[in-house]
Amino acid sequence: GHGYATEAVLGVLAYLFEALDYHRVAANCDAENARSAHLLERVGMRREAHFVESYWAKGRWTSEYHYAILQREWSDRPAGAHRA
């Protein structure tokens, strides 16, 4: 890819933390979608849970990962980390 999804997620996180002063942001992704999981980790989110067969989609039970990041973690990211 061209990094558009990464830039979009970074922009949303920046807006939520910096403009709206959110304390915490969470996201879920399909456990089979490695690219989405990697994206969430790349922007600084941590995997907090793996929900096994937690929802019905496309005719079968599907698992999901739960990710989150706190405002202080966003603010304390090291220099050179992906930034919006």
PDB file of N, CA and C in Angstrom:
ATOM      1  N   GLY A   1       0.797  -1.184   0.000  1.00  0.00           N
ATOM      2  CA  GLY A   1       0.000   0.000   0.000  1.00  0.00           C
ATOM      3  C   GLY A   1       0.845   1.255   0.000  1.00  0.00           C
ATOM      4  N   HIS A   2       0.162   2.351   0.001  1.00  0.00           N
ATOM      5  CA  HIS A   2       0.799   3.666  -0.030  1.00  0.00           C
ATOM      6  C   HIS A   2       0.829   4.349   1.329  1.00  0.00           C
ATOM      7  N   GLY A   3       0.318   3.674   2.363  1.00  0.00           N
ATOM      8  CA  GLY A   3       0.307   4.277   3.688  1.00  0.00           C
ATOM      9  C   GLY A   3      -0.885   5.167   3.957  1.00  0.00           C
ATOM     10  N   TYR A   4      -1.868   5.146   3.060  1.00  0.00           N
ATOM     11  CA  TYR A   4      -3.040   6.010   3.247  1.00  0.00           C
ATOM     12  C   TYR A   4      -3.829   5.629   4.492  1.00  0.00           C
ATOM     13  N   ALA A   5      -3.987   4.339   4.745  1.00  0.00           N
ATOM     14  CA  ALA A   5      -4.737   3.899   5.925  1.00  0.00           C
ATOM     15  C   ALA A   5      -4.012   4.328   7.197  1.00  0.00           C
ATOM     16  N   THR A   6      -2.691   4.195   7.204  1.00  0.00           N
ATOM     17  CA  THR A   6      -1.912   4.615   8.374  1.00  0.00           C
ATOM     18  C   THR A   6      -2.095   6.104   8.620  1.00  0.00           C
ATOM     19  N   GLU A   7      -1.975   6.900   7.580  1.00  0.00           N
ATOM     20  CA  GLU A   7      -2.140   8.348   7.728  1.00  0.00           C
ATOM     21  C   GLU A   7      -3.550   8.702   8.196  1.00  0.00           C
ATOM     22  N   ALA A   8      -4.548   7.991   7.688  1.00  0.00           N
ATOM     23  CA  ALA A   8      -5.929   8.253   8.098  1.00  0.00           C
ATOM     24  C   ALA A   8      -6.125   7.941   9.580  1.00  0.00           C
ATOM     25  N   VAL A   9      -5.625   6.792  10.025  1.00  0.00           N
ATOM     26  CA  VAL A   9      -5.774   6.415  11.436  1.00  0.00           C
ATOM     27  C   VAL A   9      -5.002   7.389  12.326  1.00  0.00           C
ATOM     28  N   LEU A  10      -3.796   7.766  11.921  1.00  0.00           N
ATOM     29  CA  LEU A  10      -3.034   8.746  12.693  1.00  0.00           C
ATOM     30  C   LEU A  10      -3.778  10.071  12.793  1.00  0.00           C
ATOM     31  N   GLY A  11      -4.410  10.482  11.706  1.00  0.00           N
ATOM     32  CA  GLY A  11      -5.182  11.720  11.720  1.00  0.00           C
ATOM     33  C   GLY A  11      -6.368  11.653  12.662  1.00  0.00           C
ATOM     34  N   VAL A  12      -7.059  10.524  12.657  1.00  0.00           N
ATOM     35  CA  VAL A  12      -8.202  10.344  13.565  1.00  0.00           C
ATOM     36  C   VAL A  12      -7.723  10.348  15.014  1.00  0.00           C
ATOM     37  N   LEU A  13      -6.650   9.609  15.302  1.00  0.00           N
ATOM     38  CA  LEU A  13      -6.123   9.578  16.674  1.00  0.00           C
ATOM     39  C   LEU A  13      -5.679  10.966  17.124  1.00  0.00           C
ATOM     40  N   ALA A  14      -4.986  11.690  16.260  1.00  0.00           N
ATOM     41  CA  ALA A  14      -4.552  13.047  16.603  1.00  0.00           C
ATOM     42  C   ALA A  14      -5.755  13.925  16.929  1.00  0.00           C
ATOM     43  N   TYR A  15      -6.791  13.847  16.116  1.00  0.00           N
ATOM     44  CA  TYR A  15      -7.991  14.651  16.351  1.00  0.00           C
ATOM     45  C   TYR A  15      -8.659  14.276  17.672  1.00  0.00           C
ATOM     46  N   LEU A  16      -8.823  12.979  17.917  1.00  0.00           N
ATOM     47  CA  LEU A  16      -9.495  12.537  19.142  1.00  0.00           C
ATOM     48  C   LEU A  16      -8.715  12.931  20.392  1.00  0.00           C
ATOM     49  N   PHE A  17      -7.402  12.758  20.368  1.00  0.00           N
ATOM     50  CA  PHE A  17      -6.593  13.059  21.548  1.00  0.00           C
ATOM     51  C   PHE A  17      -6.273  14.540  21.698  1.00  0.00           C
ATOM     52  N   GLU A  18      -5.953  15.200  20.601  1.00  0.00           N
ATOM     53  CA  GLU A  18      -5.467  16.572  20.687  1.00  0.00           C
ATOM     54  C   GLU A  18      -6.580  17.612  20.601  1.00  0.00           C
ATOM     55  N   ALA A  19      -7.584  17.380  19.776  1.00  0.00           N
ATOM     56  CA  ALA A  19      -8.666  18.357  19.628  1.00  0.00           C
ATOM     57  C   ALA A  19      -9.820  18.083  20.594  1.00  0.00           C
ATOM     58  N   LEU A  20     -10.164  16.809  20.756  1.00  0.00           N
ATOM     59  CA  LEU A  20     -11.313  16.459  21.599  1.00  0.00           C
ATOM     60  C   LEU A  20     -10.919  16.000  22.998  1.00  0.00           C
ATOM     61  N   ASP A  21      -9.628  15.859  23.262  1.00  0.00           N
ATOM     62  CA  ASP A  21      -9.107  15.503  24.583  1.00  0.00           C
ATOM     63  C   ASP A  21      -9.627  14.157  25.100  1.00  0.00           C
ATOM     64  N   TYR A  22      -9.752  13.185  24.201  1.00  0.00           N
ATOM     65  CA  TYR A  22     -10.142  11.837  24.632  1.00  0.00           C
ATOM     66  C   TYR A  22      -9.067  11.273  25.554  1.00  0.00           C
ATOM     67  N   HIS A  23      -9.493  10.467  26.519  1.00  0.00           N
ATOM     68  CA  HIS A  23      -8.558   9.779  27.417  1.00  0.00           C
ATOM     69  C   HIS A  23      -8.080   8.468  26.805  1.00  0.00           C
ATOM     70  N   ARG A  24      -8.971   7.787  26.080  1.00  0.00           N
ATOM     71  CA  ARG A  24      -8.677   6.447  25.568  1.00  0.00           C
ATOM     72  C   ARG A  24      -9.422   6.238  24.257  1.00  0.00           C
ATOM     73  N   VAL A  25      -8.773   5.556  23.321  1.00  0.00           N
ATOM     74  CA  VAL A  25      -9.406   5.185  22.058  1.00  0.00           C
ATOM     75  C   VAL A  25      -9.219   3.685  21.879  1.00  0.00           C
ATOM     76  N   ALA A  26     -10.290   3.000  21.477  1.00  0.00           N
ATOM     77  CA  ALA A  26     -10.248   1.552  21.267  1.00  0.00           C
ATOM     78  C   ALA A  26     -10.698   1.230  19.849  1.00  0.00           C
ATOM     79  N   ALA A  27     -10.230   0.082  19.357  1.00  0.00           N
ATOM     80  CA  ALA A  27     -10.606  -0.381  18.020  1.00  0.00           C
ATOM     81  C   ALA A  27     -10.608  -1.900  18.005  1.00  0.00           C
ATOM     82  N   ASN A  28     -11.479  -2.468  17.199  1.00  0.00           N
ATOM     83  CA  ASN A  28     -11.513  -3.915  16.992  1.00  0.00           C
ATOM     84  C   ASN A  28     -11.221  -4.209  15.532  1.00  0.00           C
ATOM     85  N   CYS A  29     -10.647  -5.382  15.282  1.00  0.00           N
ATOM     86  CA  CYS A  29     -10.466  -5.835  13.906  1.00  0.00           C
ATOM     87  C   CYS A  29     -10.624  -7.344  13.851  1.00  0.00           C
ATOM     88  N   ASP A  30     -10.983  -7.834  12.686  1.00  0.00           N
ATOM     89  CA  ASP A  30     -11.110  -9.269  12.456  1.00  0.00           C
ATOM     90  C   ASP A  30      -9.756  -9.920  12.725  1.00  0.00           C
ATOM     91  N   ALA A  31      -9.743 -10.985  13.509  1.00  0.00           N
ATOM     92  CA  ALA A  31      -8.488 -11.652  13.864  1.00  0.00           C
ATOM     93  C   ALA A  31      -7.780 -12.240  12.646  1.00  0.00           C
ATOM     94  N   GLU A  32      -8.508 -12.470  11.566  1.00  0.00           N
ATOM     95  CA  GLU A  32      -7.897 -13.002  10.348  1.00  0.00           C
ATOM     96  C   GLU A  32      -7.309 -11.911   9.450  1.00  0.00           C
ATOM     97  N   ASN A  33      -7.539 -10.653   9.807  1.00  0.00           N
ATOM     98  CA  ASN A  33      -7.051  -9.543   8.988  1.00  0.00           C
ATOM     99  C   ASN A  33      -5.717  -9.037   9.554  1.00  0.00           C
ATOM    100  N   ALA A  34      -4.640  -9.701   9.169  1.00  0.00           N
ATOM    101  CA  ALA A  34      -3.309  -9.374   9.691  1.00  0.00           C
ATOM    102  C   ALA A  34      -2.898  -7.943   9.359  1.00  0.00           C
ATOM    103  N   ARG A  35      -3.298  -7.436   8.199  1.00  0.00           N
ATOM    104  CA  ARG A  35      -2.923  -6.066   7.819  1.00  0.00           C
ATOM    105  C   ARG A  35      -3.559  -5.036   8.749  1.00  0.00           C
ATOM    106  N   SER A  36      -4.816  -5.251   9.105  1.00  0.00           N
ATOM    107  CA  SER A  36      -5.472  -4.322  10.029  1.00  0.00           C
ATOM    108  C   SER A  36      -4.834  -4.379  11.408  1.00  0.00           C
ATOM    109  N   ALA A  37      -4.542  -5.582  11.885  1.00  0.00           N
ATOM    110  CA  ALA A  37      -3.900  -5.732  13.194  1.00  0.00           C
ATOM    111  C   ALA A  37      -2.537  -5.035  13.196  1.00  0.00           C
ATOM    112  N   HIS A  38      -1.776  -5.227  12.138  1.00  0.00           N
ATOM    113  CA  HIS A  38      -0.452  -4.604  12.044  1.00  0.00           C
ATOM    114  C   HIS A  38      -0.570  -3.078  11.999  1.00  0.00           C
ATOM    115  N   LEU A  39      -1.553  -2.575  11.295  1.00  0.00           N
ATOM    116  CA  LEU A  39      -1.777  -1.132  11.228  1.00  0.00           C
ATOM    117  C   LEU A  39      -2.032  -0.568  12.621  1.00  0.00           C
ATOM    118  N   LEU A  40      -2.913  -1.204  13.378  1.00  0.00           N
ATOM    119  CA  LEU A  40      -3.228  -0.710  14.719  1.00  0.00           C
ATOM    120  C   LEU A  40      -1.995  -0.736  15.616  1.00  0.00           C
ATOM    121  N   GLU A  41      -1.179  -1.758  15.486  1.00  0.00           N
ATOM    122  CA  GLU A  41       0.059  -1.825  16.268  1.00  0.00           C
ATOM    123  C   GLU A  41       1.061  -0.768  15.802  1.00  0.00           C
ATOM    124  N   ARG A  42       1.133  -0.541  14.505  1.00  0.00           N
ATOM    125  CA  ARG A  42       2.075   0.431  13.943  1.00  0.00           C
ATOM    126  C   ARG A  42       1.792   1.853  14.441  1.00  0.00           C
ATOM    127  N   VAL A  43       0.531   2.183  14.684  1.00  0.00           N
ATOM    128  CA  VAL A  43       0.200   3.532  15.149  1.00  0.00           C
ATOM    129  C   VAL A  43       0.279   3.652  16.667  1.00  0.00           C
ATOM    130  N   GLY A  44       0.698   2.577  17.331  1.00  0.00           N
ATOM    131  CA  GLY A  44       0.936   2.651  18.768  1.00  0.00           C
ATOM    132  C   GLY A  44      -0.105   1.995  19.648  1.00  0.00           C
ATOM    133  N   MET A  45      -1.107   1.386  19.039  1.00  0.00           N
ATOM    134  CA  MET A  45      -2.136   0.731  19.847  1.00  0.00           C
ATOM    135  C   MET A  45      -1.638  -0.638  20.304  1.00  0.00           C
ATOM    136  N   ARG A  46      -2.115  -1.085  21.469  1.00  0.00           N
ATOM    137  CA  ARG A  46      -1.716  -2.389  21.991  1.00  0.00           C
ATOM    138  C   ARG A  46      -2.899  -3.340  21.922  1.00  0.00           C
ATOM    139  N   ARG A  47      -2.613  -4.609  21.652  1.00  0.00           N
ATOM    140  CA  ARG A  47      -3.663  -5.628  21.645  1.00  0.00           C
ATOM    141  C   ARG A  47      -3.984  -5.971  23.094  1.00  0.00           C
ATOM    142  N   GLU A  48      -5.252  -5.809  23.460  1.00  0.00           N
ATOM    143  CA  GLU A  48      -5.679  -6.070  24.829  1.00  0.00           C
ATOM    144  C   GLU A  48      -6.492  -7.345  24.962  1.00  0.00           C
ATOM    145  N   ALA A  49      -7.071  -7.815  23.870  1.00  0.00           N
ATOM    146  CA  ALA A  49      -7.923  -9.000  23.974  1.00  0.00           C
ATOM    147  C   ALA A  49      -8.046  -9.698  22.630  1.00  0.00           C
ATOM    148  N   HIS A  50      -8.329 -10.984  22.707  1.00  0.00           N
ATOM    149  CA  HIS A  50      -8.642 -11.801  21.535  1.00  0.00           C
ATOM    150  C   HIS A  50      -9.979 -12.465  21.845  1.00  0.00           C
ATOM    151  N   PHE A  51     -11.027 -12.008  21.201  1.00  0.00           N
ATOM    152  CA  PHE A  51     -12.370 -12.546  21.408  1.00  0.00           C
ATOM    153  C   PHE A  51     -12.616 -13.635  20.373  1.00  0.00           C
ATOM    154  N   VAL A  52     -12.684 -14.864  20.833  1.00  0.00           N
ATOM    155  CA  VAL A  52     -12.798 -16.024  19.955  1.00  0.00           C
ATOM    156  C   VAL A  52     -14.254 -16.238  19.555  1.00  0.00           C
ATOM    157  N   GLU A  53     -14.471 -16.328  18.247  1.00  0.00           N
ATOM    158  CA  GLU A  53     -15.812 -16.535  17.681  1.00  0.00           C
ATOM    159  C   GLU A  53     -16.842 -15.641  18.372  1.00  0.00           C
ATOM    160  N   SER A  54     -16.574 -14.348  18.353  1.00  0.00           N
ATOM    161  CA  SER A  54     -17.390 -13.395  19.100  1.00  0.00           C
ATOM    162  C   SER A  54     -18.540 -12.784  18.313  1.00  0.00           C
ATOM    163  N   TYR A  55     -18.523 -12.918  17.002  1.00  0.00           N
ATOM    164  CA  TYR A  55     -19.656 -12.390  16.230  1.00  0.00           C
ATOM    165  C   TYR A  55     -19.859 -13.202  14.956  1.00  0.00           C
ATOM    166  N   TRP A  56     -21.082 -13.162  14.482  1.00  0.00           N
ATOM    167  CA  TRP A  56     -21.505 -13.903  13.298  1.00  0.00           C
ATOM    168  C   TRP A  56     -21.374 -12.991  12.091  1.00  0.00           C
ATOM    169  N   ALA A  57     -20.606 -13.421  11.096  1.00  0.00           N
ATOM    170  CA  ALA A  57     -20.428 -12.618   9.886  1.00  0.00           C
ATOM    171  C   ALA A  57     -20.215 -13.533   8.695  1.00  0.00           C
ATOM    172  N   LYS A  58     -20.894 -13.225   7.620  1.00  0.00           N
ATOM    173  CA  LYS A  58     -20.745 -13.965   6.364  1.00  0.00           C
ATOM    174  C   LYS A  58     -20.937 -15.471   6.555  1.00  0.00           C
ATOM    175  N   GLY A  59     -21.926 -15.817   7.367  1.00  0.00           N
ATOM    176  CA  GLY A  59     -22.302 -17.215   7.528  1.00  0.00           C
ATOM    177  C   GLY A  59     -21.438 -18.046   8.456  1.00  0.00           C
ATOM    178  N   ARG A  60     -20.619 -17.386   9.272  1.00  0.00           N
ATOM    179  CA  ARG A  60     -19.792 -18.155  10.216  1.00  0.00           C
ATOM    180  C   ARG A  60     -19.409 -17.288  11.414  1.00  0.00           C
ATOM    181  N   TRP A  61     -18.972 -17.958  12.481  1.00  0.00           N
ATOM    182  CA  TRP A  61     -18.492 -17.249  13.658  1.00  0.00           C
ATOM    183  C   TRP A  61     -17.090 -16.724  13.383  1.00  0.00           C
ATOM    184  N   THR A  62     -16.853 -15.497  13.781  1.00  0.00           N
ATOM    185  CA  THR A  62     -15.597 -14.818  13.496  1.00  0.00           C
ATOM    186  C   THR A  62     -14.973 -14.305  14.794  1.00  0.00           C
ATOM    187  N   SER A  63     -13.659 -14.387  14.869  1.00  0.00           N
ATOM    188  CA  SER A  63     -12.930 -13.883  16.038  1.00  0.00           C
ATOM    189  C   SER A  63     -12.430 -12.467  15.764  1.00  0.00           C
ATOM    190  N   GLU A  64     -12.168 -11.732  16.839  1.00  0.00           N
ATOM    191  CA  GLU A  64     -11.677 -10.366  16.678  1.00  0.00           C
ATOM    192  C   GLU A  64     -10.633 -10.030  17.733  1.00  0.00           C
ATOM    193  N   TYR A  65      -9.774  -9.077  17.390  1.00  0.00           N
ATOM    194  CA  TYR A  65      -8.805  -8.525  18.323  1.00  0.00           C
ATOM    195  C   TYR A  65      -9.309  -7.164  18.784  1.00  0.00           C
ATOM    196  N   HIS A  66      -9.034  -6.845  20.041  1.00  0.00           N
ATOM    197  CA  HIS A  66      -9.385  -5.551  20.612  1.00  0.00           C
ATOM    198  C   HIS A  66      -8.087  -4.808  20.919  1.00  0.00           C
ATOM    199  N   TYR A  67      -7.974  -3.589  20.429  1.00  0.00           N
ATOM    200  CA  TYR A  67      -6.793  -2.744  20.627  1.00  0.00           C
ATOM    201  C   TYR A  67      -7.197  -1.458  21.333  1.00  0.00           C
ATOM    202  N   ALA A  68      -6.233  -0.828  22.015  1.00  0.00           N
ATOM    203  CA  ALA A  68      -6.498   0.465  22.646  1.00  0.00           C
ATOM    204  C   ALA A  68      -5.196   1.235  22.817  1.00  0.00           C
ATOM    205  N   ILE A  69      -5.356   2.539  23.013  1.00  0.00           N
ATOM    206  CA  ILE A  69      -4.233   3.427  23.313  1.00  0.00           C
ATOM    207  C   ILE A  69      -4.768   4.544  24.201  1.00  0.00           C
ATOM    208  N   LEU A  70      -3.962   4.951  25.180  1.00  0.00           N
ATOM    209  CA  LEU A  70      -4.317   6.052  26.070  1.00  0.00           C
ATOM    210  C   LEU A  70      -3.712   7.348  25.543  1.00  0.00           C
ATOM    211  N   GLN A  71      -4.318   8.462  25.934  1.00  0.00           N
ATOM    212  CA  GLN A  71      -3.805   9.762  25.500  1.00  0.00           C
ATOM    213  C   GLN A  71      -2.342   9.939  25.894  1.00  0.00           C
ATOM    214  N   ARG A  72      -1.960   9.533  27.104  1.00  0.00           N
ATOM    215  CA  ARG A  72      -0.566   9.704  27.534  1.00  0.00           C
ATOM    216  C   ARG A  72       0.390   8.846  26.705  1.00  0.00           C
ATOM    217  N   GLU A  73      -0.078   7.678  26.254  1.00  0.00           N
ATOM    218  CA  GLU A  73       0.754   6.837  25.394  1.00  0.00           C
ATOM    219  C   GLU A  73       0.931   7.493  24.024  1.00  0.00           C
ATOM    220  N   TRP A  74      -0.133   8.102  23.539  1.00  0.00           N
ATOM    221  CA  TRP A  74      -0.071   8.826  22.269  1.00  0.00           C
ATOM    222  C   TRP A  74       0.936   9.975  22.371  1.00  0.00           C
ATOM    223  N   SER A  75       0.844  10.735  23.458  1.00  0.00           N
ATOM    224  CA  SER A  75       1.714  11.898  23.649  1.00  0.00           C
ATOM    225  C   SER A  75       3.167  11.511  23.880  1.00  0.00           C
ATOM    226  N   ASP A  76       3.397  10.347  24.481  1.00  0.00           N
ATOM    227  CA  ASP A  76       4.753   9.916  24.845  1.00  0.00           C
ATOM    228  C   ASP A  76       5.428   9.048  23.792  1.00  0.00           C
ATOM    229  N   ARG A  77       4.837   8.939  22.607  1.00  0.00           N
ATOM    230  CA  ARG A  77       5.465   8.111  21.572  1.00  0.00           C
ATOM    231  C   ARG A  77       6.858   8.639  21.269  1.00  0.00           C
ATOM    232  N   PRO A  78       7.808   7.744  21.030  1.00  0.00           N
ATOM    233  CA  PRO A  78       9.189   8.187  20.786  1.00  0.00           C
ATOM    234  C   PRO A  78       9.325   9.002  19.499  1.00  0.00           C
ATOM    235  N   ALA A  79      10.358   9.815  19.464  1.00  0.00           N
ATOM    236  CA  ALA A  79      10.663  10.573  18.244  1.00  0.00           C
ATOM    237  C   ALA A  79      10.871   9.587  17.107  1.00  0.00           C
ATOM    238  N   GLY A  80      10.349   9.915  15.950  1.00  0.00           N
ATOM    239  CA  GLY A  80      10.467   9.028  14.799  1.00  0.00           C
ATOM    240  C   GLY A  80       9.301   8.070  14.663  1.00  0.00           C
ATOM    241  N   ALA A  81       8.449   7.995  15.694  1.00  0.00           N
ATOM    242  CA  ALA A  81       7.253   7.151  15.583  1.00  0.00           C
ATOM    243  C   ALA A  81       6.330   7.790  14.555  1.00  0.00           C
ATOM    244  N   HIS A  82       5.462   6.990  13.968  1.00  0.00           N
ATOM    245  CA  HIS A  82       4.515   7.542  12.991  1.00  0.00           C
ATOM    246  C   HIS A  82       3.754   8.697  13.626  1.00  0.00           C
ATOM    247  N   ARG A  83       3.679   9.784  12.936  1.00  0.00           N
ATOM    248  CA  ARG A  83       2.964  10.972  13.412  1.00  0.00           C
ATOM    249  C   ARG A  83       1.994  11.430  12.330  1.00  0.00           C
ATOM    250  N   ALA A  84       0.933  12.051  12.786  1.00  0.00           N
ATOM    251  CA  ALA A  84      -0.051  12.583  11.834  1.00  0.00           C
ATOM    252  C   ALA A  84       0.498  13.837  11.186  1.00  0.00           C
TER     253      ALA A  84
END
